[in-house]
Amino acid sequence: TGARATPDLFKRLVAFGNKHGIVICHDNPYSFILNHQPLSILSVDGAKDGCIELNSLSKSHNMTGWRMGMLASNPQFVKWILKEKSNIDSGQFKPMQLAAVAALSEPDQWYDNMNMLYRERRRWAEMILLLLRCHFDKEQTGLFVWGKLPDYEAGSREFVDEILYNAHVFLTPGAIFGSNGERYIRISLGANISKLSEAYNRIERYINSRMVTGG
C-alpha cells in the first residue's frame, strides 16, 4: 500500500500472533526504498518467538528475477523452512551469490543516490496525481505511489480507461487488488523521469482540451 509501518503496528501484530498462536510473516522488500527509518518486525521484544521476516535484493538492489533474498527468524523456524527448501532447490548459481555479496557491500552513498532518483520520480508521480485531483500521502514508501480518486469519479477502472483512451497513459486501477482499492489508482516509480514527464504532459493536454470543449 505504500504506507509506512510503525513500531506500534509491529508491537500489536506480534501481540496478536502470540495471543492466537499465529506465525506472522513480514515480507519487507521495500524497507530501503524512500524510507529514512527502515524497521524490522524482529526488533520487537518477543517477535522472534513467532515471526519470520523476508527481504529481497530484487527491490533494494534492482536485482529483480535473480531470486536472491534472505529469511530471519528463530532457529526452529529456520530449520523447518530449510528442510522444506532442501526438497525444492539447492541454492542459487554461485556467480549470482557473489554478485549479491558485492551489492550488499556497497556503501551508504549507493542507497542515498538510489533514493535521490526515486524521490525525483515520486515528485513527478505526485504532480500527475495533483493534475488528476487525487489525494495522496506524501510519506509513502516503496516503488509505487497511490492516489485516492475525487469523490465525483465513478471508480478506478472507469477512470483509468478514460485516461488510457484519451491521453494514452496507463495508470493501474486499484480495483484489480480488491474492493478496498476501488477508489484508488497507482503509479509505478519503475518508469524513468522521461516517461513520467511525458505522461504528465499527455494528461495535461487531455485535461486542457476537455476544458476547452466543455467535456
C-alpha atoms as a PDB file:
ATOM      1  CA  THR A   1       0.000   0.000   0.000  1.00  0.00           C
ATOM      2  CA  GLY A   2       2.993   2.311   0.355  1.00  0.00           C
ATOM      3  CA  ALA A   3       2.031   3.047   3.964  1.00  0.00           C
ATOM      4  CA  ARG A   4       4.936   3.352   6.382  1.00  0.00           C
ATOM      5  CA  ALA A   5       4.947   0.753   9.174  1.00  0.00           C
ATOM      6  CA  THR A   6       5.374   1.957  12.746  1.00  0.00           C
ATOM      7  CA  PRO A   7       6.869   0.321  15.849  1.00  0.00           C
ATOM      8  CA  ASP A   8       3.402   0.371  17.434  1.00  0.00           C
ATOM      9  CA  LEU A   9       1.925  -1.537  14.488  1.00  0.00           C
ATOM     10  CA  PHE A  10       4.612  -4.202  14.792  1.00  0.00           C
ATOM     11  CA  LYS A  11       4.043  -4.476  18.550  1.00  0.00           C
ATOM     12  CA  ARG A  12       0.327  -5.037  18.015  1.00  0.00           C
ATOM     13  CA  LEU A  13       0.976  -7.622  15.288  1.00  0.00           C
ATOM     14  CA  VAL A  14       3.401  -9.545  17.484  1.00  0.00           C
ATOM     15  CA  ALA A  15       0.964  -9.464  20.409  1.00  0.00           C
ATOM     16  CA  PHE A  16      -1.879 -10.663  18.177  1.00  0.00           C
ATOM     17  CA  GLY A  17       0.191 -13.515  16.754  1.00  0.00           C
ATOM     18  CA  ASN A  18       1.417 -14.632  20.166  1.00  0.00           C
ATOM     19  CA  LYS A  19      -2.088 -14.482  21.650  1.00  0.00           C
ATOM     20  CA  HIS A  20      -3.670 -16.601  18.927  1.00  0.00           C
ATOM     21  CA  GLY A  21      -0.743 -18.885  18.107  1.00  0.00           C
ATOM     22  CA  ILE A  22      -0.337 -17.432  14.615  1.00  0.00           C
ATOM     23  CA  VAL A  23       3.016 -17.130  12.842  1.00  0.00           C
ATOM     24  CA  ILE A  24       3.453 -13.592  11.476  1.00  0.00           C
ATOM     25  CA  CYS A  25       5.399 -13.473   8.207  1.00  0.00           C
ATOM     26  CA  HIS A  26       6.612  -9.974   7.370  1.00  0.00           C
ATOM     27  CA  ASP A  27       7.655  -9.501   3.733  1.00  0.00           C
ATOM     28  CA  ASN A  28       9.870  -6.407   3.862  1.00  0.00           C
ATOM     29  CA  PRO A  29      11.480  -5.885   0.403  1.00  0.00           C
ATOM     30  CA  TYR A  30      10.793  -2.136   0.231  1.00  0.00           C
ATOM     31  CA  SER A  31      12.473  -1.365   3.554  1.00  0.00           C
ATOM     32  CA  PHE A  32      15.277   0.677   1.947  1.00  0.00           C
ATOM     33  CA  ILE A  33      13.192   2.405  -0.740  1.00  0.00           C
ATOM     34  CA  LEU A  34      12.281   6.010   0.152  1.00  0.00           C
ATOM     35  CA  ASN A  35      12.333   5.027   3.799  1.00  0.00           C
ATOM     36  CA  HIS A  36      14.616   7.040   6.071  1.00  0.00           C
ATOM     37  CA  GLN A  37      13.849   4.788   9.051  1.00  0.00           C
ATOM     38  CA  PRO A  38      13.899   1.117   7.955  1.00  0.00           C
ATOM     39  CA  LEU A  39      12.159  -1.100  10.504  1.00  0.00           C
ATOM     40  CA  SER A  40      12.161  -4.826  11.175  1.00  0.00           C
ATOM     41  CA  ILE A  41       9.348  -6.615  12.967  1.00  0.00           C
ATOM     42  CA  LEU A  42      12.047  -8.685  14.666  1.00  0.00           C
ATOM     43  CA  SER A  43      13.134  -5.591  16.605  1.00  0.00           C
ATOM     44  CA  VAL A  44      10.039  -6.006  18.797  1.00  0.00           C
ATOM     45  CA  ASP A  45      10.559  -7.889  22.054  1.00  0.00           C
ATOM     46  CA  GLY A  46       9.323 -11.458  21.713  1.00  0.00           C
ATOM     47  CA  ALA A  47       8.924 -11.240  17.930  1.00  0.00           C
ATOM     48  CA  LYS A  48      11.433 -13.980  17.149  1.00  0.00           C
ATOM     49  CA  ASP A  49       9.266 -16.495  19.017  1.00  0.00           C
ATOM     50  CA  GLY A  50       6.532 -16.266  16.410  1.00  0.00           C
ATOM     51  CA  CYS A  51       7.640 -14.108  13.487  1.00  0.00           C
ATOM     52  CA  ILE A  52       9.501 -14.569  10.225  1.00  0.00           C
ATOM     53  CA  GLU A  53      10.910 -11.698   8.188  1.00  0.00           C
ATOM     54  CA  LEU A  54      11.745 -11.831   4.495  1.00  0.00           C
ATOM     55  CA  ASN A  55      13.749  -9.408   2.410  1.00  0.00           C
ATOM     56  CA  SER A  56      14.983  -9.398  -1.164  1.00  0.00           C
ATOM     57  CA  LEU A  57      17.616  -7.788  -3.340  1.00  0.00           C
ATOM     58  CA  SER A  58      15.033  -7.525  -6.115  1.00  0.00           C
ATOM     59  CA  LYS A  59      13.844  -4.135  -4.858  1.00  0.00           C
ATOM     60  CA  SER A  60      16.674  -2.772  -2.713  1.00  0.00           C
ATOM     61  CA  HIS A  61      19.382  -3.503  -5.308  1.00  0.00           C
ATOM     62  CA  ASN A  62      17.419  -3.673  -8.588  1.00  0.00           C
ATOM     63  CA  MET A  63      18.079  -7.404  -8.946  1.00  0.00           C
ATOM     64  CA  THR A  64      14.574  -8.452  -9.970  1.00  0.00           C
ATOM     65  CA  GLY A  65      14.494 -12.009 -11.281  1.00  0.00           C
ATOM     66  CA  TRP A  66      17.760 -13.029  -9.624  1.00  0.00           C
ATOM     67  CA  ARG A  67      15.823 -14.712  -6.792  1.00  0.00           C
ATOM     68  CA  MET A  68      18.257 -13.514  -4.146  1.00  0.00           C
ATOM     69  CA  GLY A  69      16.805 -12.896  -0.719  1.00  0.00           C
ATOM     70  CA  MET A  70      17.002 -13.646   2.965  1.00  0.00           C
ATOM     71  CA  LEU A  71      14.929 -15.016   5.805  1.00  0.00           C
ATOM     72  CA  ALA A  72      15.348 -14.309   9.517  1.00  0.00           C
ATOM     73  CA  SER A  73      13.608 -15.914  12.478  1.00  0.00           C
ATOM     74  CA  ASN A  74      14.270 -18.182  15.449  1.00  0.00           C
ATOM     75  CA  PRO A  75      16.446 -21.314  14.948  1.00  0.00           C
ATOM     76  CA  GLN A  76      13.474 -23.709  14.978  1.00  0.00           C
ATOM     77  CA  PHE A  77      11.525 -21.862  12.275  1.00  0.00           C
ATOM     78  CA  VAL A  78      14.646 -21.521  10.114  1.00  0.00           C
ATOM     79  CA  LYS A  79      15.330 -25.249  10.483  1.00  0.00           C
ATOM     80  CA  TRP A  80      11.807 -26.149   9.366  1.00  0.00           C
ATOM     81  CA  ILE A  81      11.980 -23.825   6.361  1.00  0.00           C
ATOM     82  CA  LEU A  82      15.415 -25.084   5.292  1.00  0.00           C
ATOM     83  CA  LYS A  83      14.110 -28.640   5.436  1.00  0.00           C
ATOM     84  CA  GLU A  84      11.276 -27.781   3.057  1.00  0.00           C
ATOM     85  CA  LYS A  85      13.507 -25.704   0.787  1.00  0.00           C
ATOM     86  CA  SER A  86      16.058 -28.524   0.501  1.00  0.00           C
ATOM     87  CA  ASN A  87      13.375 -30.515  -1.315  1.00  0.00           C
ATOM     88  CA  ILE A  88      12.687 -27.690  -3.755  1.00  0.00           C
ATOM     89  CA  ASP A  89      16.112 -26.444  -4.875  1.00  0.00           C
ATOM     90  CA  SER A  90      19.757 -26.436  -3.881  1.00  0.00           C
ATOM     91  CA  GLY A  91      20.702 -22.763  -3.862  1.00  0.00           C
ATOM     92  CA  GLN A  92      21.425 -20.123  -6.444  1.00  0.00           C
ATOM     93  CA  PHE A  93      24.145 -20.141  -9.122  1.00  0.00           C
ATOM     94  CA  LYS A  94      27.387 -19.110  -7.360  1.00  0.00           C
ATOM     95  CA  PRO A  95      28.166 -16.074  -9.589  1.00  0.00           C
ATOM     96  CA  MET A  96      24.736 -14.719  -8.620  1.00  0.00           C
ATOM     97  CA  GLN A  97      25.564 -15.219  -4.954  1.00  0.00           C
ATOM     98  CA  LEU A  98      28.859 -13.369  -5.425  1.00  0.00           C
ATOM     99  CA  ALA A  99      27.002 -10.557  -7.187  1.00  0.00           C
ATOM    100  CA  ALA A 100      24.678 -10.342  -4.189  1.00  0.00           C
ATOM    101  CA  VAL A 101      27.684 -10.103  -1.862  1.00  0.00           C
ATOM    102  CA  ALA A 102      29.071  -7.258  -3.977  1.00  0.00           C
ATOM    103  CA  ALA A 103      25.698  -5.483  -3.929  1.00  0.00           C
ATOM    104  CA  LEU A 104      25.395  -5.781  -0.156  1.00  0.00           C
ATOM    105  CA  SER A 105      28.932  -4.413   0.229  1.00  0.00           C
ATOM    106  CA  GLU A 106      28.039  -1.067  -1.342  1.00  0.00           C
ATOM    107  CA  PRO A 107      28.450   1.983   0.943  1.00  0.00           C
ATOM    108  CA  ASP A 108      25.550   4.074   2.216  1.00  0.00           C
ATOM    109  CA  GLN A 109      26.154   6.542  -0.599  1.00  0.00           C
ATOM    110  CA  TRP A 110      24.817   3.975  -3.071  1.00  0.00           C
ATOM    111  CA  TYR A 111      21.471   3.836  -1.261  1.00  0.00           C
ATOM    112  CA  ASP A 112      21.399   7.630  -0.987  1.00  0.00           C
ATOM    113  CA  ASN A 113      21.891   8.002  -4.737  1.00  0.00           C
ATOM    114  CA  MET A 114      19.222   5.406  -5.477  1.00  0.00           C
ATOM    115  CA  ASN A 115      16.701   7.117  -3.235  1.00  0.00           C
ATOM    116  CA  MET A 116      17.546  10.501  -4.720  1.00  0.00           C
ATOM    117  CA  LEU A 117      16.481   9.108  -8.086  1.00  0.00           C
ATOM    118  CA  TYR A 118      13.287   7.624  -6.659  1.00  0.00           C
ATOM    119  CA  ARG A 119      12.436  10.872  -4.885  1.00  0.00           C
ATOM    120  CA  GLU A 120      12.574  12.744  -8.197  1.00  0.00           C
ATOM    121  CA  ARG A 121      10.371  10.108  -9.815  1.00  0.00           C
ATOM    122  CA  ARG A 122       7.975  10.307  -6.887  1.00  0.00           C
ATOM    123  CA  ARG A 123       7.796  14.070  -7.356  1.00  0.00           C
ATOM    124  CA  TRP A 124       6.591  13.550 -10.931  1.00  0.00           C
ATOM    125  CA  ALA A 125       4.114  10.877  -9.843  1.00  0.00           C
ATOM    126  CA  GLU A 126       2.710  13.269  -7.245  1.00  0.00           C
ATOM    127  CA  MET A 127       2.429  16.001  -9.887  1.00  0.00           C
ATOM    128  CA  ILE A 128       0.372  13.612 -12.017  1.00  0.00           C
ATOM    129  CA  LEU A 129      -1.897  12.831  -9.074  1.00  0.00           C
ATOM    130  CA  LEU A 130      -2.370  16.544  -8.367  1.00  0.00           C
ATOM    131  CA  LEU A 131      -3.209  17.098 -12.027  1.00  0.00           C
ATOM    132  CA  LEU A 132      -5.875  14.399 -11.699  1.00  0.00           C
ATOM    133  CA  ARG A 133      -7.119  15.966  -8.434  1.00  0.00           C
ATOM    134  CA  CYS A 134      -6.280  12.838  -6.458  1.00  0.00           C
ATOM    135  CA  HIS A 135      -5.444  12.869  -2.757  1.00  0.00           C
ATOM    136  CA  PHE A 136      -2.283  11.114  -1.584  1.00  0.00           C
ATOM    137  CA  ASP A 137       0.038  10.612   1.370  1.00  0.00           C
ATOM    138  CA  LYS A 138       3.375  12.371   0.843  1.00  0.00           C
ATOM    139  CA  GLU A 139       5.116   9.922   3.190  1.00  0.00           C
ATOM    140  CA  GLN A 140       4.596   6.804   1.061  1.00  0.00           C
ATOM    141  CA  THR A 141       7.494   4.379   0.739  1.00  0.00           C
ATOM    142  CA  GLY A 142       8.379   1.731  -1.825  1.00  0.00           C
ATOM    143  CA  LEU A 143       8.223   1.718  -5.608  1.00  0.00           C
ATOM    144  CA  PHE A 144       4.616   2.860  -6.033  1.00  0.00           C
ATOM    145  CA  VAL A 145       2.604   5.977  -5.309  1.00  0.00           C
ATOM    146  CA  TRP A 146      -1.100   5.596  -4.546  1.00  0.00           C
ATOM    147  CA  GLY A 147      -3.711   8.288  -5.046  1.00  0.00           C
ATOM    148  CA  LYS A 148      -7.350   8.431  -3.958  1.00  0.00           C
ATOM    149  CA  LEU A 149      -9.827   9.455  -6.646  1.00  0.00           C
ATOM    150  CA  PRO A 150     -12.007  12.545  -6.276  1.00  0.00           C
ATOM    151  CA  ASP A 151     -15.471  11.754  -4.906  1.00  0.00           C
ATOM    152  CA  TYR A 152     -17.148  12.645  -8.198  1.00  0.00           C
ATOM    153  CA  GLU A 153     -15.321   9.900 -10.135  1.00  0.00           C
ATOM    154  CA  ALA A 154     -17.229   6.633 -10.646  1.00  0.00           C
ATOM    155  CA  GLY A 155     -14.432   4.161  -9.942  1.00  0.00           C
ATOM    156  CA  SER A 156     -10.820   3.294 -10.689  1.00  0.00           C
ATOM    157  CA  ARG A 157     -11.471   1.130 -13.766  1.00  0.00           C
ATOM    158  CA  GLU A 158     -13.600   3.769 -15.477  1.00  0.00           C
ATOM    159  CA  PHE A 159     -11.148   6.494 -14.519  1.00  0.00           C
ATOM    160  CA  VAL A 160      -8.134   4.583 -15.828  1.00  0.00           C
ATOM    161  CA  ASP A 161      -9.935   3.766 -19.095  1.00  0.00           C
ATOM    162  CA  GLU A 162     -10.723   7.435 -19.652  1.00  0.00           C
ATOM    163  CA  ILE A 163      -7.077   8.427 -19.232  1.00  0.00           C
ATOM    164  CA  LEU A 164      -5.832   5.499 -21.320  1.00  0.00           C
ATOM    165  CA  TYR A 165      -8.105   6.102 -24.311  1.00  0.00           C
ATOM    166  CA  ASN A 166      -7.845   9.881 -24.308  1.00  0.00           C
ATOM    167  CA  ALA A 167      -4.359  10.670 -23.001  1.00  0.00           C
ATOM    168  CA  HIS A 168      -2.719   7.347 -23.961  1.00  0.00           C
ATOM    169  CA  VAL A 169      -1.287   6.882 -20.479  1.00  0.00           C
ATOM    170  CA  PHE A 170      -1.886   3.738 -18.442  1.00  0.00           C
ATOM    171  CA  LEU A 171      -2.423   4.029 -14.702  1.00  0.00           C
ATOM    172  CA  THR A 172      -3.044   0.989 -12.521  1.00  0.00           C
ATOM    173  CA  PRO A 173      -6.623   0.776 -11.200  1.00  0.00           C
ATOM    174  CA  GLY A 174      -6.731  -0.085  -7.522  1.00  0.00           C
ATOM    175  CA  ALA A 175      -9.776  -2.292  -8.130  1.00  0.00           C
ATOM    176  CA  ILE A 176      -7.582  -5.079  -9.513  1.00  0.00           C
ATOM    177  CA  PHE A 177      -6.213  -5.545  -5.989  1.00  0.00           C
ATOM    178  CA  GLY A 178      -9.674  -5.984  -4.454  1.00  0.00           C
ATOM    179  CA  SER A 179     -12.715  -3.975  -3.456  1.00  0.00           C
ATOM    180  CA  ASN A 180     -10.741  -1.834  -0.985  1.00  0.00           C
ATOM    181  CA  GLY A 181      -8.762  -0.433  -3.914  1.00  0.00           C
ATOM    182  CA  GLU A 182     -11.791   0.702  -5.898  1.00  0.00           C
ATOM    183  CA  ARG A 183     -11.287   4.391  -5.118  1.00  0.00           C
ATOM    184  CA  TYR A 184      -7.537   4.397  -5.797  1.00  0.00           C
ATOM    185  CA  ILE A 185      -5.025   4.419  -8.639  1.00  0.00           C
ATOM    186  CA  ARG A 186      -1.342   3.508  -8.536  1.00  0.00           C
ATOM    187  CA  ILE A 187       1.695   4.897 -10.345  1.00  0.00           C
ATOM    188  CA  SER A 188       4.924   2.919 -10.613  1.00  0.00           C
ATOM    189  CA  LEU A 189       8.273   4.541  -9.891  1.00  0.00           C
ATOM    190  CA  GLY A 190       9.856   1.941 -12.160  1.00  0.00           C
ATOM    191  CA  ALA A 191       9.236   4.373 -15.020  1.00  0.00           C
ATOM    192  CA  ASN A 192      12.044   6.828 -15.678  1.00  0.00           C
ATOM    193  CA  ILE A 193      11.649  10.593 -15.429  1.00  0.00           C
ATOM    194  CA  SER A 194      11.358  10.969 -19.198  1.00  0.00           C
ATOM    195  CA  LYS A 195       8.322   8.682 -19.287  1.00  0.00           C
ATOM    196  CA  LEU A 196       6.746  10.200 -16.187  1.00  0.00           C
ATOM    197  CA  SER A 197       7.118  13.730 -17.546  1.00  0.00           C
ATOM    198  CA  GLU A 198       5.692  12.614 -20.892  1.00  0.00           C
ATOM    199  CA  ALA A 199       2.744  11.037 -19.072  1.00  0.00           C
ATOM    200  CA  TYR A 200       2.185  14.297 -17.207  1.00  0.00           C
ATOM    201  CA  ASN A 201       2.243  16.321 -20.434  1.00  0.00           C
ATOM    202  CA  ARG A 202      -0.189  13.982 -22.202  1.00  0.00           C
ATOM    203  CA  ILE A 203      -2.650  14.039 -19.324  1.00  0.00           C
ATOM    204  CA  GLU A 204      -2.368  17.821 -19.050  1.00  0.00           C
ATOM    205  CA  ARG A 205      -3.133  18.217 -22.763  1.00  0.00           C
ATOM    206  CA  TYR A 206      -6.184  15.980 -22.445  1.00  0.00           C
ATOM    207  CA  ILE A 207      -7.498  17.845 -19.404  1.00  0.00           C
ATOM    208  CA  ASN A 208      -6.986  21.207 -21.110  1.00  0.00           C
ATOM    209  CA  SER A 209      -8.747  20.026 -24.269  1.00  0.00           C
ATOM    210  CA  ARG A 210     -11.672  18.757 -22.198  1.00  0.00           C
ATOM    211  CA  MET A 211     -11.969  22.152 -20.515  1.00  0.00           C
ATOM    212  CA  VAL A 212     -11.986  23.924 -23.900  1.00  0.00           C
ATOM    213  CA  THR A 213     -14.727  21.684 -25.287  1.00  0.00           C
ATOM    214  CA  GLY A 214     -16.674  21.708 -22.041  1.00  0.00           C
ATOM    215  CA  GLY A 215     -16.350  17.928 -21.610  1.00  0.00           C
END
